[in-house]
PDB file of N, CA and C in Angstrom:
ATOM      1  N   MET A   1      -9.037 -14.938   5.031  1.00  0.00           N
ATOM      2  CA  MET A   1      -9.695 -13.505   5.387  1.00  0.00           C
ATOM      3  C   MET A   1     -10.560 -12.978   4.341  1.00  0.00           C
ATOM      4  N   ASN A   2     -11.526 -12.355   4.566  1.00  0.00           N
ATOM      5  CA  ASN A   2     -12.353 -11.804   3.536  1.00  0.00           C
ATOM      6  C   ASN A   2     -11.528 -10.439   3.121  1.00  0.00           C
ATOM      7  N   LYS A   3     -12.011  -9.821   2.005  1.00  0.00           N
ATOM      8  CA  LYS A   3     -11.641  -8.784   1.261  1.00  0.00           C
ATOM      9  C   LYS A   3     -11.684  -7.391   2.280  1.00  0.00           C
ATOM     10  N   GLU A   4     -13.001  -7.355   2.672  1.00  0.00           N
ATOM     11  CA  GLU A   4     -12.997  -6.164   3.687  1.00  0.00           C
ATOM     12  C   GLU A   4     -12.273  -6.014   4.892  1.00  0.00           C
ATOM     13  N   LYS A   5     -11.992  -7.126   5.705  1.00  0.00           N
ATOM     14  CA  LYS A   5     -11.136  -7.021   6.668  1.00  0.00           C
ATOM     15  C   LYS A   5      -9.675  -7.009   6.281  1.00  0.00           C
ATOM     16  N   PHE A   6      -9.230  -7.610   5.091  1.00  0.00           N
ATOM     17  CA  PHE A   6      -8.011  -7.373   4.559  1.00  0.00           C
ATOM     18  C   PHE A   6      -7.779  -5.871   4.277  1.00  0.00           C
ATOM     19  N   ALA A   7      -8.666  -5.364   3.773  1.00  0.00           N
ATOM     20  CA  ALA A   7      -8.459  -3.886   3.447  1.00  0.00           C
ATOM     21  C   ALA A   7      -8.283  -3.111   4.724  1.00  0.00           C
ATOM     22  N   LEU A   8      -9.290  -3.186   5.594  1.00  0.00           N
ATOM     23  CA  LEU A   8      -9.473  -2.734   6.948  1.00  0.00           C
ATOM     24  C   LEU A   8      -8.034  -2.572   7.618  1.00  0.00           C
ATOM     25  N   LEU A   9      -7.516  -3.785   7.544  1.00  0.00           N
ATOM     26  CA  LEU A   9      -6.115  -4.086   8.289  1.00  0.00           C
ATOM     27  C   LEU A   9      -4.920  -3.307   7.730  1.00  0.00           C
ATOM     28  N   GLY A  10      -4.986  -3.255   6.277  1.00  0.00           N
ATOM     29  CA  GLY A  10      -3.921  -2.514   5.756  1.00  0.00           C
ATOM     30  C   GLY A  10      -4.175  -0.947   5.855  1.00  0.00           C
ATOM     31  N   ASP A  11      -5.436  -0.514   5.898  1.00  0.00           N
ATOM     32  CA  ASP A  11      -5.507   0.783   6.097  1.00  0.00           C
ATOM     33  C   ASP A  11      -5.090   1.269   7.519  1.00  0.00           C
ATOM     34  N   GLN A  12      -5.577   0.229   8.386  1.00  0.00           N
ATOM     35  CA  GLN A  12      -5.214   0.654   9.933  1.00  0.00           C
ATOM     36  C   GLN A  12      -3.752   0.535  10.309  1.00  0.00           C
ATOM     37  N   ILE A  13      -2.911  -0.155   9.693  1.00  0.00           N
ATOM     38  CA  ILE A  13      -1.587  -0.405   9.661  1.00  0.00           C
ATOM     39  C   ILE A  13      -0.938   1.192   9.096  1.00  0.00           C
ATOM     40  N   TYR A  14      -1.478   1.450   7.938  1.00  0.00           N
ATOM     41  CA  TYR A  14      -1.026   2.624   7.221  1.00  0.00           C
ATOM     42  C   TYR A  14      -1.099   3.961   8.280  1.00  0.00           C
ATOM     43  N   GLU A  15      -2.467   4.014   8.571  1.00  0.00           N
ATOM     44  CA  GLU A  15      -2.873   5.132   9.635  1.00  0.00           C
ATOM     45  C   GLU A  15      -2.015   5.314  10.742  1.00  0.00           C
ATOM     46  N   ARG A  16      -1.898   3.957  11.432  1.00  0.00           N
ATOM     47  CA  ARG A  16      -1.344   4.068  12.843  1.00  0.00           C
ATOM     48  C   ARG A  16       0.168   4.151  12.772  1.00  0.00           C
ATOM     49  N   LYS A  17       0.960   3.455  11.823  1.00  0.00           N
ATOM     50  CA  LYS A  17       2.283   3.279  11.785  1.00  0.00           C
ATOM     51  C   LYS A  17       2.913   3.949  10.912  1.00  0.00           C
ATOM     52  N   LEU A  18       2.565   4.356   9.476  1.00  0.00           N
ATOM     53  CA  LEU A  18       2.984   4.872   8.807  1.00  0.00           C
ATOM     54  C   LEU A  18       2.951   6.257   8.149  1.00  0.00           C
ATOM     55  N   LYS A  19       1.625   6.489   8.119  1.00  0.00           N
ATOM     56  CA  LYS A  19       1.211   7.947   7.478  1.00  0.00           C
ATOM     57  C   LYS A  19       1.986   9.088   8.127  1.00  0.00           C
ATOM     58  N   GLY A  20       2.085   9.105   9.309  1.00  0.00           N
ATOM     59  CA  GLY A  20       2.958  10.284   9.864  1.00  0.00           C
ATOM     60  C   GLY A  20       4.458  10.459   9.569  1.00  0.00           C
ATOM     61  N   ILE A  21       4.840   9.334   9.225  1.00  0.00           N
ATOM     62  CA  ILE A  21       6.409   9.370   8.959  1.00  0.00           C
ATOM     63  C   ILE A  21       6.762   9.248   7.296  1.00  0.00           C
ATOM     64  N   ILE A  22       5.915   8.876   6.531  1.00  0.00           N
ATOM     65  CA  ILE A  22       6.144   8.781   5.039  1.00  0.00           C
ATOM     66  C   ILE A  22       5.347   9.640   4.250  1.00  0.00           C
ATOM     67  N   GLU A  23       4.226  10.270   4.726  1.00  0.00           N
ATOM     68  CA  GLU A  23       3.317  10.885   3.628  1.00  0.00           C
ATOM     69  C   GLU A  23       3.897  12.155   3.039  1.00  0.00           C
ATOM     70  N   ASN A  24       4.526  12.998   3.884  1.00  0.00           N
ATOM     71  CA  ASN A  24       5.113  14.212   3.358  1.00  0.00           C
ATOM     72  C   ASN A  24       6.243  14.171   2.328  1.00  0.00           C
ATOM     73  N   GLN A  25       6.967  13.050   2.719  1.00  0.00           N
ATOM     74  CA  GLN A  25       8.250  12.757   1.856  1.00  0.00           C
ATOM     75  C   GLN A  25       7.959  11.940   0.684  1.00  0.00           C
ATOM     76  N   HIS A  26       6.864  11.193   0.649  1.00  0.00           N
ATOM     77  CA  HIS A  26       6.846  10.035  -0.509  1.00  0.00           C
ATOM     78  C   HIS A  26       5.474  10.287  -1.042  1.00  0.00           C
ATOM     79  N   LYS A  27       4.697  11.443  -1.087  1.00  0.00           N
ATOM     80  CA  LYS A  27       3.447  11.568  -1.662  1.00  0.00           C
ATOM     81  C   LYS A  27       3.324  11.018  -2.911  1.00  0.00           C
ATOM     82  N   GLY A  28       2.448  10.340  -3.516  1.00  0.00           N
ATOM     83  CA  GLY A  28       2.402   9.863  -4.884  1.00  0.00           C
ATOM     84  C   GLY A  28       3.004   8.588  -5.142  1.00  0.00           C
ATOM     85  N   LYS A  29       3.901   8.013  -4.366  1.00  0.00           N
ATOM     86  CA  LYS A  29       4.473   6.829  -4.443  1.00  0.00           C
ATOM     87  C   LYS A  29       3.575   5.706  -3.918  1.00  0.00           C
ATOM     88  N   PHE A  30       4.034   4.516  -4.049  1.00  0.00           N
ATOM     89  CA  PHE A  30       3.370   3.397  -3.603  1.00  0.00           C
ATOM     90  C   PHE A  30       3.873   2.801  -2.484  1.00  0.00           C
ATOM     91  N   VAL A  31       3.126   2.289  -1.421  1.00  0.00           N
ATOM     92  CA  VAL A  31       3.672   1.750  -0.203  1.00  0.00           C
ATOM     93  C   VAL A  31       2.951   0.215  -0.268  1.00  0.00           C
ATOM     94  N   ALA A  32       3.831  -0.667  -0.259  1.00  0.00           N
ATOM     95  CA  ALA A  32       3.301  -2.070  -0.145  1.00  0.00           C
ATOM     96  C   ALA A  32       3.645  -2.502   1.432  1.00  0.00           C
ATOM     97  N   ILE A  33       2.519  -3.000   2.042  1.00  0.00           N
ATOM     98  CA  ILE A  33       2.583  -3.247   3.425  1.00  0.00           C
ATOM     99  C   ILE A  33       2.015  -4.702   3.500  1.00  0.00           C
ATOM    100  N   ASP A  34       2.994  -5.455   4.387  1.00  0.00           N
ATOM    101  CA  ASP A  34       2.672  -7.007   4.720  1.00  0.00           C
ATOM    102  C   ASP A  34       1.726  -6.841   5.872  1.00  0.00           C
ATOM    103  N   ILE A  35       0.633  -7.133   5.821  1.00  0.00           N
ATOM    104  CA  ILE A  35      -0.293  -7.022   6.916  1.00  0.00           C
ATOM    105  C   ILE A  35      -0.075  -8.032   8.034  1.00  0.00           C
ATOM    106  N   ASP A  36       0.631  -9.014   7.886  1.00  0.00           N
ATOM    107  CA  ASP A  36       1.194  -9.965   9.055  1.00  0.00           C
ATOM    108  C   ASP A  36       2.377  -9.239   9.694  1.00  0.00           C
ATOM    109  N   SER A  37       3.330  -8.924   9.302  1.00  0.00           N
ATOM    110  CA  SER A  37       4.628  -8.367   9.890  1.00  0.00           C
ATOM    111  C   SER A  37       4.558  -6.960  10.063  1.00  0.00           C
ATOM    112  N   GLU A  38       3.664  -6.264   9.288  1.00  0.00           N
ATOM    113  CA  GLU A  38       3.658  -4.757   9.261  1.00  0.00           C
ATOM    114  C   GLU A  38       4.946  -4.205   8.585  1.00  0.00           C
ATOM    115  N   ASP A  39       5.726  -5.050   8.228  1.00  0.00           N
ATOM    116  CA  ASP A  39       6.866  -4.378   7.333  1.00  0.00           C
ATOM    117  C   ASP A  39       6.310  -3.853   5.964  1.00  0.00           C
ATOM    118  N   PHE A  40       7.002  -3.067   5.395  1.00  0.00           N
ATOM    119  CA  PHE A  40       6.643  -2.322   4.189  1.00  0.00           C
ATOM    120  C   PHE A  40       7.922  -1.745   3.353  1.00  0.00           C
ATOM    121  N   GLU A  41       7.506  -1.448   2.194  1.00  0.00           N
ATOM    122  CA  GLU A  41       8.340  -1.166   1.068  1.00  0.00           C
ATOM    123  C   GLU A  41       7.839   0.376   0.261  1.00  0.00           C
ATOM    124  N   ILE A  42       8.535   0.947  -0.185  1.00  0.00           N
ATOM    125  CA  ILE A  42       8.114   2.267  -0.870  1.00  0.00           C
ATOM    126  C   ILE A  42       8.784   2.275  -2.104  1.00  0.00           C
ATOM    127  N   ASP A  43       8.090   2.755  -3.136  1.00  0.00           N
ATOM    128  CA  ASP A  43       8.602   2.889  -4.408  1.00  0.00           C
ATOM    129  C   ASP A  43       7.537   3.622  -5.432  1.00  0.00           C
ATOM    130  N   ALA A  44       8.209   4.327  -6.499  1.00  0.00           N
ATOM    131  CA  ALA A  44       7.404   4.913  -7.525  1.00  0.00           C
ATOM    132  C   ALA A  44       6.723   4.106  -8.307  1.00  0.00           C
ATOM    133  N   LYS A  45       7.142   2.889  -8.385  1.00  0.00           N
ATOM    134  CA  LYS A  45       6.557   1.792  -9.067  1.00  0.00           C
ATOM    135  C   LYS A  45       6.022   0.622  -8.347  1.00  0.00           C
ATOM    136  N   GLU A  46       4.685   0.286  -8.305  1.00  0.00           N
ATOM    137  CA  GLU A  46       4.116  -0.480  -7.173  1.00  0.00           C
ATOM    138  C   GLU A  46       4.856  -1.971  -7.402  1.00  0.00           C
ATOM    139  N   ILE A  47       5.108  -2.508  -8.717  1.00  0.00           N
ATOM    140  CA  ILE A  47       5.690  -3.564  -8.659  1.00  0.00           C
ATOM    141  C   ILE A  47       7.085  -3.656  -7.952  1.00  0.00           C
ATOM    142  N   ASN A  48       7.925  -2.806  -7.987  1.00  0.00           N
ATOM    143  CA  ASN A  48       9.235  -2.664  -7.220  1.00  0.00           C
ATOM    144  C   ASN A  48       8.892  -2.769  -5.745  1.00  0.00           C
ATOM    145  N   ALA A  49       8.055  -1.919  -5.213  1.00  0.00           N
ATOM    146  CA  ALA A  49       7.765  -2.215  -3.764  1.00  0.00           C
ATOM    147  C   ALA A  49       7.170  -3.657  -3.505  1.00  0.00           C
ATOM    148  N   VAL A  50       6.352  -4.223  -4.147  1.00  0.00           N
ATOM    149  CA  VAL A  50       6.056  -5.417  -3.994  1.00  0.00           C
ATOM    150  C   VAL A  50       6.855  -6.484  -3.977  1.00  0.00           C
ATOM    151  N   ASP A  51       7.910  -6.254  -5.060  1.00  0.00           N
ATOM    152  CA  ASP A  51       8.886  -7.437  -5.246  1.00  0.00           C
ATOM    153  C   ASP A  51       9.995  -7.344  -4.142  1.00  0.00           C
ATOM    154  N   ARG A  52      10.260  -6.111  -3.595  1.00  0.00           N
ATOM    155  CA  ARG A  52      11.101  -6.047  -2.658  1.00  0.00           C
ATOM    156  C   ARG A  52      10.617  -6.733  -1.351  1.00  0.00           C
ATOM    157  N   LEU A  53       9.399  -6.447  -1.135  1.00  0.00           N
ATOM    158  CA  LEU A  53       8.740  -6.758   0.158  1.00  0.00           C
ATOM    159  C   LEU A  53       8.680  -8.390   0.017  1.00  0.00           C
ATOM    160  N   ASN A  54       8.276  -8.859  -0.909  1.00  0.00           N
ATOM    161  CA  ASN A  54       8.212 -10.503  -1.214  1.00  0.00           C
ATOM    162  C   ASN A  54       9.537 -11.138  -0.986  1.00  0.00           C
ATOM    163  N   MET A  55      10.654 -10.354  -1.404  1.00  0.00           N
ATOM    164  CA  MET A  55      12.006 -10.862  -1.284  1.00  0.00           C
ATOM    165  C   MET A  55      12.103 -11.079   0.235  1.00  0.00           C
ATOM    166  N   ARG A  56      11.715 -10.274   1.222  1.00  0.00           N
ATOM    167  CA  ARG A  56      11.953 -10.373   2.637  1.00  0.00           C
ATOM    168  C   ARG A  56      10.973 -11.214   3.334  1.00  0.00           C
ATOM    169  N   HIS A  57       9.769 -11.332   2.724  1.00  0.00           N
ATOM    170  CA  HIS A  57       8.667 -11.957   3.387  1.00  0.00           C
ATOM    171  C   HIS A  57       7.842 -12.778   2.215  1.00  0.00           C
ATOM    172  N   PRO A  58       8.384 -13.777   1.804  1.00  0.00           N
ATOM    173  CA  PRO A  58       7.807 -14.649   0.691  1.00  0.00           C
ATOM    174  C   PRO A  58       6.435 -15.187   0.632  1.00  0.00           C
ATOM    175  N   ASN A  59       5.925 -15.232   1.946  1.00  0.00           N
ATOM    176  CA  ASN A  59       4.537 -15.579   2.000  1.00  0.00           C
ATOM    177  C   ASN A  59       3.656 -14.225   2.631  1.00  0.00           C
ATOM    178  N   SER A  60       4.154 -13.064   2.284  1.00  0.00           N
ATOM    179  CA  SER A  60       3.388 -11.954   2.752  1.00  0.00           C
ATOM    180  C   SER A  60       1.903 -11.724   2.053  1.00  0.00           C
ATOM    181  N   GLN A  61       1.343 -11.096   2.889  1.00  0.00           N
ATOM    182  CA  GLN A  61      -0.123 -10.600   2.344  1.00  0.00           C
ATOM    183  C   GLN A  61       0.059  -9.234   2.191  1.00  0.00           C
ATOM    184  N   ILE A  62       0.043  -8.746   1.070  1.00  0.00           N
ATOM    185  CA  ILE A  62       0.398  -7.196   0.604  1.00  0.00           C
ATOM    186  C   ILE A  62      -0.810  -6.587   0.525  1.00  0.00           C
ATOM    187  N   TRP A  63      -1.039  -5.475   1.181  1.00  0.00           N
ATOM    188  CA  TRP A  63      -1.983  -4.526   0.913  1.00  0.00           C
ATOM    189  C   TRP A  63      -1.121  -3.133   0.152  1.00  0.00           C
ATOM    190  N   LEU A  64      -1.580  -2.700  -0.912  1.00  0.00           N
ATOM    191  CA  LEU A  64      -0.889  -1.733  -1.538  1.00  0.00           C
ATOM    192  C   LEU A  64      -1.673  -0.427  -1.507  1.00  0.00           C
ATOM    193  N   LYS A  65      -0.894   0.838  -1.287  1.00  0.00           N
ATOM    194  CA  LYS A  65      -1.606   2.014  -1.166  1.00  0.00           C
ATOM    195  C   LYS A  65      -0.873   3.024  -1.836  1.00  0.00           C
ATOM    196  N   ARG A  66      -1.495   4.178  -2.659  1.00  0.00           N
ATOM    197  CA  ARG A  66      -0.748   5.239  -3.161  1.00  0.00           C
ATOM    198  C   ARG A  66      -0.747   6.243  -2.018  1.00  0.00           C
ATOM    199  N   ILE A  67       0.556   6.401  -1.644  1.00  0.00           N
ATOM    200  CA  ILE A  67       0.754   7.505  -0.570  1.00  0.00           C
ATOM    201  C   ILE A  67       0.172   8.837  -0.819  1.00  0.00           C
ATOM    202  N   GLY A  68      -0.797   9.395   0.081  1.00  0.00           N
ATOM    203  CA  GLY A  68      -1.398  10.634   0.151  1.00  0.00           C
ATOM    204  C   GLY A  68      -2.756  10.578  -0.631  1.00  0.00           C
ATOM    205  N   SER A  69      -3.233   9.088  -0.957  1.00  0.00           N
ATOM    206  CA  SER A  69      -4.375   9.031  -1.733  1.00  0.00           C
ATOM    207  C   SER A  69      -5.276   8.011  -1.179  1.00  0.00           C
ATOM    208  N   ARG A  70      -6.573   8.004  -1.323  1.00  0.00           N
ATOM    209  CA  ARG A  70      -7.298   6.977  -0.760  1.00  0.00           C
ATOM    210  C   ARG A  70      -7.255   5.747  -1.529  1.00  0.00           C
ATOM    211  N   PHE A  71      -6.884   5.612  -2.691  1.00  0.00           N
ATOM    212  CA  PHE A  71      -6.833   4.818  -3.608  1.00  0.00           C
ATOM    213  C   PHE A  71      -5.527   4.478  -4.254  1.00  0.00           C
ATOM    214  N   ALA A  72      -5.134   3.158  -4.640  1.00  0.00           N
ATOM    215  CA  ALA A  72      -3.758   2.747  -5.302  1.00  0.00           C
ATOM    216  C   ALA A  72      -3.983   3.197  -6.615  1.00  0.00           C
ATOM    217  N   ARG A  73      -5.252   3.101  -7.218  1.00  0.00           N
ATOM    218  CA  ARG A  73      -5.454   3.657  -8.799  1.00  0.00           C
ATOM    219  C   ARG A  73      -6.973   4.144  -8.811  1.00  0.00           C
ATOM    220  N   HIS A  74      -6.984   5.103  -9.732  1.00  0.00           N
ATOM    221  CA  HIS A  74      -8.207   5.455 -10.066  1.00  0.00           C
ATOM    222  C   HIS A  74      -8.583   5.868 -11.587  1.00  0.00           C
ATOM    223  N   PHE A  75      -9.709   5.776 -12.085  1.00  0.00           N
ATOM    224  CA  PHE A  75      -9.997   5.884 -13.224  1.00  0.00           C
ATOM    225  C   PHE A  75     -10.611   7.321 -13.723  1.00  0.00           C
ATOM    226  N   SER A  76     -10.017   8.115 -14.723  1.00  0.00           N
ATOM    227  CA  SER A  76     -10.731   9.297 -15.033  1.00  0.00           C
ATOM    228  C   SER A  76     -12.216   9.119 -15.487  1.00  0.00           C
ATOM    229  N   PRO A  77     -13.090  10.081 -15.196  1.00  0.00           N
ATOM    230  CA  PRO A  77     -14.562  10.088 -15.515  1.00  0.00           C
ATOM    231  C   PRO A  77     -14.735  10.221 -17.043  1.00  0.00           C
ATOM    232  N   ARG A  78     -13.687  10.737 -17.717  1.00  0.00           N
ATOM    233  CA  ARG A  78     -13.903  10.837 -19.085  1.00  0.00           C
ATOM    234  C   ARG A  78     -13.780   9.510 -19.767  1.00  0.00           C
ATOM    235  N   TYR A  79     -13.388   8.553 -19.218  1.00  0.00           N
ATOM    236  CA  TYR A  79     -13.276   7.128 -19.878  1.00  0.00           C
ATOM    237  C   TYR A  79     -14.445   6.393 -19.521  1.00  0.00           C
ATOM    238  N   ARG A  80     -15.461   6.854 -18.670  1.00  0.00           N
ATOM    239  CA  ARG A  80     -16.504   6.031 -18.495  1.00  0.00           C
ATOM    240  C   ARG A  80     -17.544   5.809 -19.668  1.00  0.00           C
ATOM    241  N   MET A  81     -18.461   4.860 -19.508  1.00  0.00           N
ATOM    242  CA  MET A  81     -19.463   4.801 -20.730  1.00  0.00           C
ATOM    243  C   MET A  81     -20.643   4.934 -20.399  1.00  0.00           C
TER     244      MET A  81
END
C-alpha cells in the first residue's frame, strides 16, 4: 500500500470511529491505530501505545496520530535553517 493511501485510511478511521469519543478526554496524547483491525491504543508516549497495540496485533499496520492535532509531530519554525 502506498504512503498516501495508508495515511488516508488512518485519518478516515480516526475521523469516523475515534475522534468523537476520545478527543476531548485525551487531547495531546497519541493514538496508535491498526488500519486493518481498526483497533487502537492511547498513551502520552507514542512508543507505549504502539507497543501495546503490537502485543495484541503482532502484524499490525499502525497509523500514529496526536489527538487533537493534524500531525503526530511538528517542528518549530525557529529551528529552520
